[in-house]
Amino acid sequence: MSKGRLPDDFYENVYDVVRLIPPGRVTNYGAIARYLGSAGSARIVGYALNQCAGMPDVPAHRVVNRNGLLTGSSHFPPERSMEESLMAEGVVVLDNQVQEFERLFWDPSVELEL
């Protein structure tokens, strides 16, 4: 891997972290990128999550933007929206934003050992 280039398995690493987010908790793209040692790659975390629609074991609905907004909601099927998936886990969403975001925030750098 050259300097400034993400490892080839970056998407898989993103999926591994997302699989660890507990039900009823949320994190953001930047927190995952920081945990993976690529602090400036939040957007690429989002790209990875846009590609996991056929992976039911990756709870991408638990990843929101830094303000708790459901910015990735357009990538979820209409029969099970991002908002519906979060609400099924007890997360309150109003106006496309997670309520009590700070209380529900799961930071992999704190919750997981590096």
N, C-alpha and C. Protein backbone atom coordinates (compact mmCIF):
# COMPACT_ATOMS: atom_id res chain seq x y z
N MET A 1 0.86 -1.19 0.00
CA MET A 1 0.00 0.00 0.00
C MET A 1 0.89 1.23 0.00
N SER A 2 0.67 2.12 -0.93
CA SER A 2 1.46 3.33 -0.98
C SER A 2 0.82 4.41 -0.10
N LYS A 3 1.61 5.39 0.25
CA LYS A 3 1.13 6.47 1.10
C LYS A 3 -0.07 7.18 0.44
N GLY A 4 -1.12 7.39 1.24
CA GLY A 4 -2.30 8.08 0.74
C GLY A 4 -3.29 7.16 0.04
N ARG A 5 -2.96 5.91 -0.08
CA ARG A 5 -3.84 4.95 -0.76
C ARG A 5 -4.44 4.02 0.28
N LEU A 6 -5.73 3.79 0.16
CA LEU A 6 -6.40 2.89 1.09
C LEU A 6 -6.06 1.45 0.76
N PRO A 7 -6.04 0.59 1.78
CA PRO A 7 -5.79 -0.83 1.49
C PRO A 7 -6.90 -1.41 0.62
N ASP A 8 -6.56 -2.42 -0.16
CA ASP A 8 -7.52 -3.03 -1.07
C ASP A 8 -8.73 -3.60 -0.34
N ASP A 9 -8.56 -3.98 0.90
CA ASP A 9 -9.66 -4.58 1.66
C ASP A 9 -10.37 -3.55 2.55
N PHE A 10 -10.26 -2.27 2.23
CA PHE A 10 -10.86 -1.23 3.05
C PHE A 10 -12.36 -1.43 3.20
N TYR A 11 -13.05 -1.72 2.11
CA TYR A 11 -14.50 -1.93 2.19
C TYR A 11 -14.82 -3.07 3.15
N GLU A 12 -14.09 -4.17 3.06
CA GLU A 12 -14.33 -5.29 3.97
C GLU A 12 -14.08 -4.89 5.42
N ASN A 13 -13.06 -4.08 5.64
CA ASN A 13 -12.79 -3.59 7.00
C ASN A 13 -13.95 -2.74 7.51
N VAL A 14 -14.51 -1.91 6.63
CA VAL A 14 -15.68 -1.10 6.99
C VAL A 14 -16.82 -2.03 7.39
N TYR A 15 -17.08 -3.05 6.59
CA TYR A 15 -18.18 -3.97 6.88
C TYR A 15 -17.96 -4.70 8.21
N ASP A 16 -16.71 -5.06 8.49
CA ASP A 16 -16.40 -5.73 9.76
C ASP A 16 -16.73 -4.84 10.96
N VAL A 17 -16.41 -3.55 10.86
CA VAL A 17 -16.72 -2.62 11.95
C VAL A 17 -18.23 -2.44 12.08
N VAL A 18 -18.90 -2.24 10.97
CA VAL A 18 -20.35 -2.01 10.99
C VAL A 18 -21.08 -3.20 11.61
N ARG A 19 -20.59 -4.40 11.36
CA ARG A 19 -21.21 -5.60 11.94
C ARG A 19 -21.16 -5.58 13.47
N LEU A 20 -20.26 -4.80 14.04
CA LEU A 20 -20.08 -4.76 15.49
C LEU A 20 -20.94 -3.70 16.19
N ILE A 21 -21.60 -2.83 15.43
CA ILE A 21 -22.44 -1.79 16.03
C ILE A 21 -23.64 -2.48 16.68
N PRO A 22 -23.83 -2.27 17.97
CA PRO A 22 -24.96 -2.94 18.63
C PRO A 22 -26.31 -2.39 18.17
N PRO A 23 -27.33 -3.25 18.17
CA PRO A 23 -28.68 -2.77 17.86
C PRO A 23 -29.07 -1.62 18.80
N GLY A 24 -29.74 -0.63 18.24
CA GLY A 24 -30.17 0.51 19.05
C GLY A 24 -29.11 1.58 19.22
N ARG A 25 -27.96 1.39 18.60
CA ARG A 25 -26.87 2.38 18.65
C ARG A 25 -26.56 2.82 17.23
N VAL A 26 -25.92 3.97 17.09
CA VAL A 26 -25.53 4.49 15.78
C VAL A 26 -24.11 5.02 15.85
N THR A 27 -23.48 5.08 14.70
CA THR A 27 -22.17 5.70 14.57
C THR A 27 -22.19 6.54 13.30
N ASN A 28 -21.05 7.14 12.99
CA ASN A 28 -21.00 7.93 11.76
C ASN A 28 -19.83 7.50 10.89
N TYR A 29 -19.84 7.97 9.67
CA TYR A 29 -18.83 7.60 8.68
C TYR A 29 -17.42 7.96 9.16
N GLY A 30 -17.29 9.14 9.73
CA GLY A 30 -15.98 9.59 10.19
C GLY A 30 -15.41 8.75 11.31
N ALA A 31 -16.26 8.32 12.23
CA ALA A 31 -15.79 7.50 13.35
C ALA A 31 -15.25 6.17 12.84
N ILE A 32 -15.90 5.60 11.84
CA ILE A 32 -15.41 4.36 11.26
C ILE A 32 -14.08 4.60 10.55
N ALA A 33 -14.00 5.66 9.77
CA ALA A 33 -12.76 5.99 9.06
C ALA A 33 -11.61 6.20 10.05
N ARG A 34 -11.85 6.94 11.12
CA ARG A 34 -10.81 7.16 12.13
C ARG A 34 -10.36 5.85 12.75
N TYR A 35 -11.31 5.00 13.09
CA TYR A 35 -10.97 3.71 13.69
C TYR A 35 -10.09 2.88 12.75
N LEU A 36 -10.35 2.98 11.47
CA LEU A 36 -9.57 2.22 10.49
C LEU A 36 -8.27 2.90 10.10
N GLY A 37 -7.95 4.02 10.75
CA GLY A 37 -6.68 4.70 10.49
C GLY A 37 -6.69 5.57 9.25
N SER A 38 -7.86 5.93 8.77
CA SER A 38 -7.99 6.76 7.57
C SER A 38 -8.96 7.90 7.84
N ALA A 39 -8.57 8.77 8.75
CA ALA A 39 -9.46 9.83 9.24
C ALA A 39 -10.11 10.66 8.13
N GLY A 40 -9.45 10.85 7.03
CA GLY A 40 -10.01 11.67 5.96
C GLY A 40 -10.86 10.89 4.97
N SER A 41 -11.23 9.69 5.31
CA SER A 41 -11.91 8.82 4.35
C SER A 41 -13.37 8.55 4.68
N ALA A 42 -14.02 9.47 5.37
CA ALA A 42 -15.43 9.27 5.73
C ALA A 42 -16.29 9.05 4.49
N ARG A 43 -16.01 9.79 3.45
CA ARG A 43 -16.80 9.66 2.22
C ARG A 43 -16.65 8.26 1.61
N ILE A 44 -15.46 7.71 1.70
CA ILE A 44 -15.23 6.37 1.16
C ILE A 44 -15.95 5.32 2.00
N VAL A 45 -16.05 5.55 3.30
CA VAL A 45 -16.87 4.67 4.15
C VAL A 45 -18.30 4.69 3.63
N GLY A 46 -18.80 5.85 3.29
CA GLY A 46 -20.14 5.96 2.73
C GLY A 46 -20.26 5.21 1.41
N TYR A 47 -19.25 5.32 0.56
CA TYR A 47 -19.27 4.58 -0.70
C TYR A 47 -19.32 3.08 -0.44
N ALA A 48 -18.56 2.62 0.53
CA ALA A 48 -18.56 1.19 0.87
C ALA A 48 -19.96 0.75 1.30
N LEU A 49 -20.59 1.56 2.13
CA LEU A 49 -21.92 1.20 2.63
C LEU A 49 -22.97 1.26 1.53
N ASN A 50 -22.77 2.10 0.54
CA ASN A 50 -23.69 2.15 -0.60
C ASN A 50 -23.64 0.85 -1.40
N GLN A 51 -22.54 0.10 -1.29
CA GLN A 51 -22.35 -1.12 -2.05
C GLN A 51 -22.80 -2.39 -1.33
N CYS A 52 -23.30 -2.27 -0.12
CA CYS A 52 -23.58 -3.48 0.67
C CYS A 52 -25.06 -3.83 0.73
N ALA A 53 -25.83 -3.39 -0.21
CA ALA A 53 -27.28 -3.64 -0.21
C ALA A 53 -27.61 -5.13 -0.17
N GLY A 54 -26.83 -5.97 -0.79
CA GLY A 54 -27.09 -7.40 -0.80
C GLY A 54 -26.45 -8.15 0.35
N MET A 55 -26.02 -7.42 1.39
CA MET A 55 -25.33 -8.04 2.52
C MET A 55 -26.17 -7.83 3.78
N PRO A 56 -27.12 -8.71 4.04
CA PRO A 56 -28.01 -8.51 5.18
C PRO A 56 -27.32 -8.55 6.54
N ASP A 57 -26.09 -9.07 6.59
CA ASP A 57 -25.36 -9.13 7.85
C ASP A 57 -24.62 -7.83 8.17
N VAL A 58 -24.71 -6.83 7.28
CA VAL A 58 -24.06 -5.54 7.50
C VAL A 58 -25.16 -4.52 7.82
N PRO A 59 -25.31 -4.13 9.10
CA PRO A 59 -26.39 -3.21 9.48
C PRO A 59 -26.05 -1.76 9.15
N ALA A 60 -25.99 -1.47 7.85
CA ALA A 60 -25.62 -0.13 7.38
C ALA A 60 -26.58 0.94 7.86
N HIS A 61 -27.79 0.57 8.24
CA HIS A 61 -28.76 1.55 8.72
C HIS A 61 -28.30 2.22 10.02
N ARG A 62 -27.32 1.64 10.69
CA ARG A 62 -26.81 2.20 11.95
C ARG A 62 -25.72 3.23 11.74
N VAL A 63 -25.41 3.57 10.49
CA VAL A 63 -24.36 4.55 10.19
C VAL A 63 -25.02 5.79 9.59
N VAL A 64 -24.82 6.92 10.24
CA VAL A 64 -25.43 8.18 9.84
C VAL A 64 -24.34 9.24 9.69
N ASN A 65 -24.71 10.44 9.33
CA ASN A 65 -23.67 11.46 9.21
C ASN A 65 -23.30 12.03 10.59
N ARG A 66 -22.37 12.95 10.62
CA ARG A 66 -21.84 13.46 11.89
C ARG A 66 -22.87 14.21 12.73
N ASN A 67 -23.99 14.58 12.13
CA ASN A 67 -25.06 15.28 12.85
C ASN A 67 -26.25 14.37 13.15
N GLY A 68 -26.11 13.09 12.84
CA GLY A 68 -27.20 12.16 13.07
C GLY A 68 -28.24 12.11 11.97
N LEU A 69 -27.94 12.73 10.83
CA LEU A 69 -28.88 12.71 9.70
C LEU A 69 -28.75 11.42 8.91
N LEU A 70 -29.87 10.93 8.40
CA LEU A 70 -29.91 9.70 7.62
C LEU A 70 -29.55 9.99 6.17
N THR A 71 -28.32 10.41 5.95
CA THR A 71 -27.90 10.82 4.61
C THR A 71 -27.82 9.65 3.63
N GLY A 72 -27.69 8.42 4.12
CA GLY A 72 -27.62 7.27 3.23
C GLY A 72 -28.95 6.62 2.97
N SER A 73 -30.03 7.24 3.40
CA SER A 73 -31.34 6.59 3.34
C SER A 73 -31.81 6.26 1.92
N SER A 74 -31.34 6.99 0.94
CA SER A 74 -31.77 6.73 -0.44
C SER A 74 -31.25 5.40 -0.97
N HIS A 75 -30.30 4.80 -0.29
CA HIS A 75 -29.71 3.54 -0.74
C HIS A 75 -30.38 2.32 -0.12
N PHE A 76 -31.46 2.53 0.61
CA PHE A 76 -32.18 1.43 1.23
C PHE A 76 -33.44 1.13 0.45
N PRO A 77 -33.83 -0.14 0.41
CA PRO A 77 -35.04 -0.49 -0.34
C PRO A 77 -36.28 0.08 0.32
N PRO A 78 -37.27 0.44 -0.48
CA PRO A 78 -38.48 1.05 0.07
C PRO A 78 -39.22 0.14 1.05
N GLU A 79 -39.10 -1.18 0.87
CA GLU A 79 -39.81 -2.09 1.76
C GLU A 79 -39.20 -2.15 3.16
N ARG A 80 -37.99 -1.67 3.34
CA ARG A 80 -37.37 -1.62 4.67
C ARG A 80 -36.42 -0.43 4.70
N SER A 81 -36.97 0.74 4.96
CA SER A 81 -36.17 1.96 4.91
C SER A 81 -35.18 2.03 6.07
N MET A 82 -34.24 2.89 5.93
CA MET A 82 -33.25 3.13 6.98
C MET A 82 -33.95 3.56 8.26
N GLU A 83 -34.90 4.48 8.13
CA GLU A 83 -35.64 4.97 9.29
C GLU A 83 -36.42 3.84 9.97
N GLU A 84 -37.09 3.02 9.19
CA GLU A 84 -37.85 1.90 9.76
C GLU A 84 -36.95 0.91 10.48
N SER A 85 -35.79 0.65 9.90
CA SER A 85 -34.85 -0.27 10.52
C SER A 85 -34.36 0.26 11.86
N LEU A 86 -34.05 1.55 11.91
CA LEU A 86 -33.61 2.16 13.18
C LEU A 86 -34.73 2.16 14.21
N MET A 87 -35.91 2.54 13.77
CA MET A 87 -37.04 2.61 14.70
C MET A 87 -37.40 1.23 15.25
N ALA A 88 -37.20 0.18 14.46
CA ALA A 88 -37.44 -1.19 14.93
C ALA A 88 -36.49 -1.57 16.05
N GLU A 89 -35.36 -0.86 16.14
CA GLU A 89 -34.38 -1.10 17.20
C GLU A 89 -34.54 -0.12 18.35
N GLY A 90 -35.58 0.70 18.31
CA GLY A 90 -35.84 1.64 19.40
C GLY A 90 -35.21 3.00 19.23
N VAL A 91 -34.62 3.27 18.07
CA VAL A 91 -34.00 4.57 17.81
C VAL A 91 -35.09 5.50 17.28
N VAL A 92 -35.25 6.64 17.92
CA VAL A 92 -36.25 7.61 17.48
C VAL A 92 -35.65 8.48 16.38
N VAL A 93 -36.38 8.58 15.28
CA VAL A 93 -35.96 9.40 14.14
C VAL A 93 -37.07 10.39 13.84
N LEU A 94 -36.72 11.67 13.83
CA LEU A 94 -37.67 12.73 13.47
C LEU A 94 -37.03 13.60 12.40
N ASP A 95 -37.80 13.90 11.38
CA ASP A 95 -37.30 14.73 10.28
C ASP A 95 -35.98 14.23 9.73
N ASN A 96 -35.89 12.89 9.57
CA ASN A 96 -34.72 12.27 8.98
C ASN A 96 -33.46 12.41 9.84
N GLN A 97 -33.62 12.59 11.15
CA GLN A 97 -32.48 12.75 12.06
C GLN A 97 -32.68 11.92 13.32
N VAL A 98 -31.61 11.25 13.73
CA VAL A 98 -31.62 10.45 14.96
C VAL A 98 -31.74 11.40 16.14
N GLN A 99 -32.71 11.12 17.00
CA GLN A 99 -32.89 11.89 18.22
C GLN A 99 -31.98 11.30 19.31
N GLU A 100 -31.50 12.13 20.20
CA GLU A 100 -30.57 11.71 21.25
C GLU A 100 -29.32 11.07 20.65
N PHE A 101 -28.86 11.66 19.58
CA PHE A 101 -27.71 11.15 18.84
C PHE A 101 -26.49 10.96 19.74
N GLU A 102 -26.18 11.94 20.55
CA GLU A 102 -24.98 11.83 21.40
C GLU A 102 -25.09 10.66 22.37
N ARG A 103 -26.27 10.42 22.91
CA ARG A 103 -26.45 9.33 23.85
C ARG A 103 -26.34 7.96 23.16
N LEU A 104 -26.80 7.88 21.93
CA LEU A 104 -26.80 6.63 21.19
C LEU A 104 -25.52 6.39 20.39
N PHE A 105 -24.65 7.38 20.35
CA PHE A 105 -23.46 7.31 19.52
C PHE A 105 -22.51 6.21 20.00
N TRP A 106 -22.10 5.38 19.07
CA TRP A 106 -21.17 4.29 19.32
C TRP A 106 -19.88 4.61 18.58
N ASP A 107 -18.81 4.83 19.34
CA ASP A 107 -17.52 5.19 18.74
C ASP A 107 -16.62 3.95 18.77
N PRO A 108 -16.31 3.37 17.61
CA PRO A 108 -15.49 2.17 17.61
C PRO A 108 -14.12 2.37 18.24
N SER A 109 -13.57 3.58 18.17
CA SER A 109 -12.26 3.84 18.77
C SER A 109 -12.31 3.75 20.29
N VAL A 110 -13.49 3.95 20.86
CA VAL A 110 -13.68 3.86 22.31
C VAL A 110 -14.19 2.47 22.68
N GLU A 111 -15.14 1.97 21.92
CA GLU A 111 -15.81 0.71 22.25
C GLU A 111 -15.00 -0.53 21.91
N LEU A 112 -14.13 -0.43 20.93
CA LEU A 112 -13.34 -1.58 20.50
C LEU A 112 -11.87 -1.36 20.80
N GLU A 113 -11.19 -2.42 21.12
CA GLU A 113 -9.74 -2.31 21.30
C GLU A 113 -9.10 -2.23 19.93
N LEU A 114 -8.11 -1.38 19.82
CA LEU A 114 -7.41 -1.23 18.53
C LEU A 114 -6.49 -2.40 18.29
